[in-house]
Structures are given as structure tokens and as C-alpha cells.
Amino acid sequence: MSRPARSELIAKGGDFAPIFAALGDPTRLSLLAKLCDGMPCSISKLTQDTKLTRQAITKHLKVLQQARLVQSTRTGRESRFAFNPKPIEAAQEYLDIVSRQWDDALDRLRTLVER
């Protein structure tokens, strides 16, 4: 299996930085968990059972939208938000590449040390 060029990985890693940053916040993770059932939700529904204001939820949703993890559709005056799994699937592929690179590097190190 051929390894991707280092520059290709660096470029891909930069693309995924907003995703990893968005996922690094517990509030945003809980919002994604609510949206993972596939049913779009309004801000009012996402605010239920939390101590957060609608404004706070809106700020978190904007970060998730910028990372392409959430999509919104507007119906009248209400926006509904839905989970978009594609960026996470792409980030998983990137992490798999990085993991294989680390495994290969550790195997080379083990071979060198055992000589």
C-alpha cells in the first residue's frame, strides 16, 4: 500500500482542523448527539433540557456549521438543524492514514532496534 505524500497529509490535516476544534467542546458534542438520530431540530428543541440560552446554542451551532458538521434549512421563521456525517467520515479516513503511518514508523523502529 503506497503512503500519501507528507504534503498531502499536511494539507488534509489543515482541512480537518475546524472539525476537530468543533468536536473538542462538550456542548457541541451534546448538540451533535441530539442531532444524530437523523431528525432535524429547531433551536428551541435543542435548548430543551439544558441550562443554555438560545443565543448560546446558536453560537455553538454556527461553529458546527462552519465545520460542515451541521446543516440548516429555513422554514418560515424557524431554522432546523441536521447532522451531516460526511466530514466526520472524511476525518476518520485521515486518522486511519495517520494511524497507518505511525504503525509503519513503529515497525521500522522495532526492526532497527532488534538488529
Protein backbone atom coordinates (compact mmCIF):
# COMPACT_ATOMS: atom_id res chain seq x y z
CA MET A 1 0.00 0.00 0.00
CA SER A 2 1.51 3.32 -1.02
CA ARG A 3 1.78 6.06 1.55
CA PRO A 4 0.41 9.51 0.77
CA ALA A 5 2.95 12.29 0.46
CA ARG A 6 3.67 14.24 3.63
CA SER A 7 2.46 17.45 1.99
CA GLU A 8 -0.83 15.74 1.12
CA LEU A 9 -1.34 14.74 4.76
CA ILE A 10 -0.48 18.22 5.98
CA ALA A 11 -3.00 19.69 3.54
CA LYS A 12 -5.67 17.22 4.62
CA GLY A 13 -4.91 17.83 8.28
CA GLY A 14 -5.46 21.56 7.82
CA ASP A 15 -8.84 20.84 6.27
CA PHE A 16 -9.87 18.84 9.32
CA ALA A 17 -8.72 21.32 11.97
CA PRO A 18 -12.15 23.05 12.20
CA ILE A 19 -13.83 19.66 12.62
CA PHE A 20 -11.52 18.59 15.44
CA ALA A 21 -11.82 22.02 17.08
CA ALA A 22 -15.63 21.89 16.89
CA LEU A 23 -15.69 18.39 18.37
CA GLY A 24 -13.42 19.48 21.22
CA ASP A 25 -16.24 21.23 23.07
CA PRO A 26 -18.61 19.20 25.30
CA THR A 27 -21.60 21.42 24.50
CA ARG A 28 -21.14 20.96 20.76
CA LEU A 29 -20.73 17.21 21.23
CA SER A 30 -24.02 17.09 23.11
CA LEU A 31 -25.72 19.07 20.33
CA LEU A 32 -24.40 16.59 17.75
CA ALA A 33 -25.63 13.71 19.89
CA LYS A 34 -29.12 15.21 19.84
CA LEU A 35 -28.95 15.56 16.06
CA CYS A 36 -27.54 12.10 15.34
CA ASP A 37 -30.97 10.49 15.22
CA GLY A 38 -31.42 11.97 11.76
CA MET A 39 -34.31 14.24 12.67
CA PRO A 40 -33.72 17.98 12.10
CA CYS A 41 -34.28 20.06 15.23
CA SER A 42 -35.10 23.68 15.92
CA ILE A 43 -33.05 25.80 18.28
CA SER A 44 -35.94 25.66 20.76
CA LYS A 45 -35.83 21.88 20.81
CA LEU A 46 -32.04 21.83 21.11
CA THR A 47 -32.25 24.24 24.05
CA GLN A 48 -34.67 21.99 25.98
CA ASP A 49 -33.15 20.15 28.94
CA THR A 50 -30.11 22.45 29.01
CA LYS A 51 -29.17 25.45 31.08
CA LEU A 52 -28.05 27.27 27.93
CA THR A 53 -29.80 30.19 26.28
CA ARG A 54 -30.96 30.15 22.67
CA GLN A 55 -28.16 32.62 21.90
CA ALA A 56 -25.53 30.26 23.34
CA ILE A 57 -26.92 27.32 21.36
CA THR A 58 -26.91 29.48 18.22
CA LYS A 59 -23.22 30.32 18.70
CA HIS A 60 -22.34 26.64 19.07
CA LEU A 61 -24.41 25.74 16.01
CA LYS A 62 -22.54 28.36 13.97
CA VAL A 63 -19.23 26.70 14.87
CA LEU A 64 -20.67 23.31 13.88
CA GLN A 65 -21.94 24.79 10.61
CA GLN A 66 -18.54 26.30 9.81
CA ALA A 67 -17.03 22.84 10.31
CA ARG A 68 -19.76 21.47 7.97
CA LEU A 69 -20.95 19.10 10.74
CA VAL A 70 -24.42 20.64 10.78
CA GLN A 71 -26.66 21.90 8.00
CA SER A 72 -29.63 24.18 8.43
CA THR A 73 -32.82 24.65 6.48
CA ARG A 74 -35.18 27.51 7.00
CA THR A 75 -38.95 27.04 7.10
CA GLY A 76 -40.71 30.34 7.63
CA ARG A 77 -39.14 31.98 10.66
CA GLU A 78 -37.69 28.74 12.03
CA SER A 79 -34.37 27.15 11.20
CA ARG A 80 -33.97 23.41 11.58
CA PHE A 81 -30.56 21.86 12.05
CA ALA A 82 -29.44 18.40 10.94
CA PHE A 83 -26.25 16.40 11.42
CA ASN A 84 -24.00 15.96 8.37
CA PRO A 85 -21.83 12.84 8.87
CA LYS A 86 -19.64 13.30 5.76
CA PRO A 87 -16.96 15.50 7.39
CA ILE A 88 -16.57 13.00 10.24
CA GLU A 89 -16.27 10.13 7.78
CA ALA A 90 -13.55 12.04 5.88
CA ALA A 91 -11.76 12.87 9.15
CA GLN A 92 -11.86 9.18 10.08
CA GLU A 93 -10.17 8.31 6.78
CA TYR A 94 -7.49 10.90 7.55
CA LEU A 95 -6.97 9.47 11.03
CA ASP A 96 -6.69 5.98 9.54
CA ILE A 97 -3.91 7.22 7.22
CA VAL A 98 -2.06 8.84 10.12
CA SER A 99 -2.52 5.71 12.24
CA ARG A 100 -1.05 3.52 9.49
CA GLN A 101 1.90 5.88 9.17
CA TRP A 102 2.58 5.65 12.91
CA ASP A 103 2.26 1.86 12.82
CA ASP A 104 4.72 1.72 9.90
CA ALA A 105 7.15 4.02 11.71
CA LEU A 106 6.97 1.93 14.88
CA ASP A 107 7.53 -1.26 12.88
CA ARG A 108 10.63 0.27 11.26
CA LEU A 109 11.90 1.38 14.67
CA ARG A 110 11.29 -2.08 16.15
CA THR A 111 13.19 -3.68 13.25
CA LEU A 112 16.09 -1.27 13.70
CA VAL A 113 16.26 -1.82 17.48
CA GLU A 114 16.06 -5.63 17.20
CA ARG A 115 19.05 -5.84 14.83
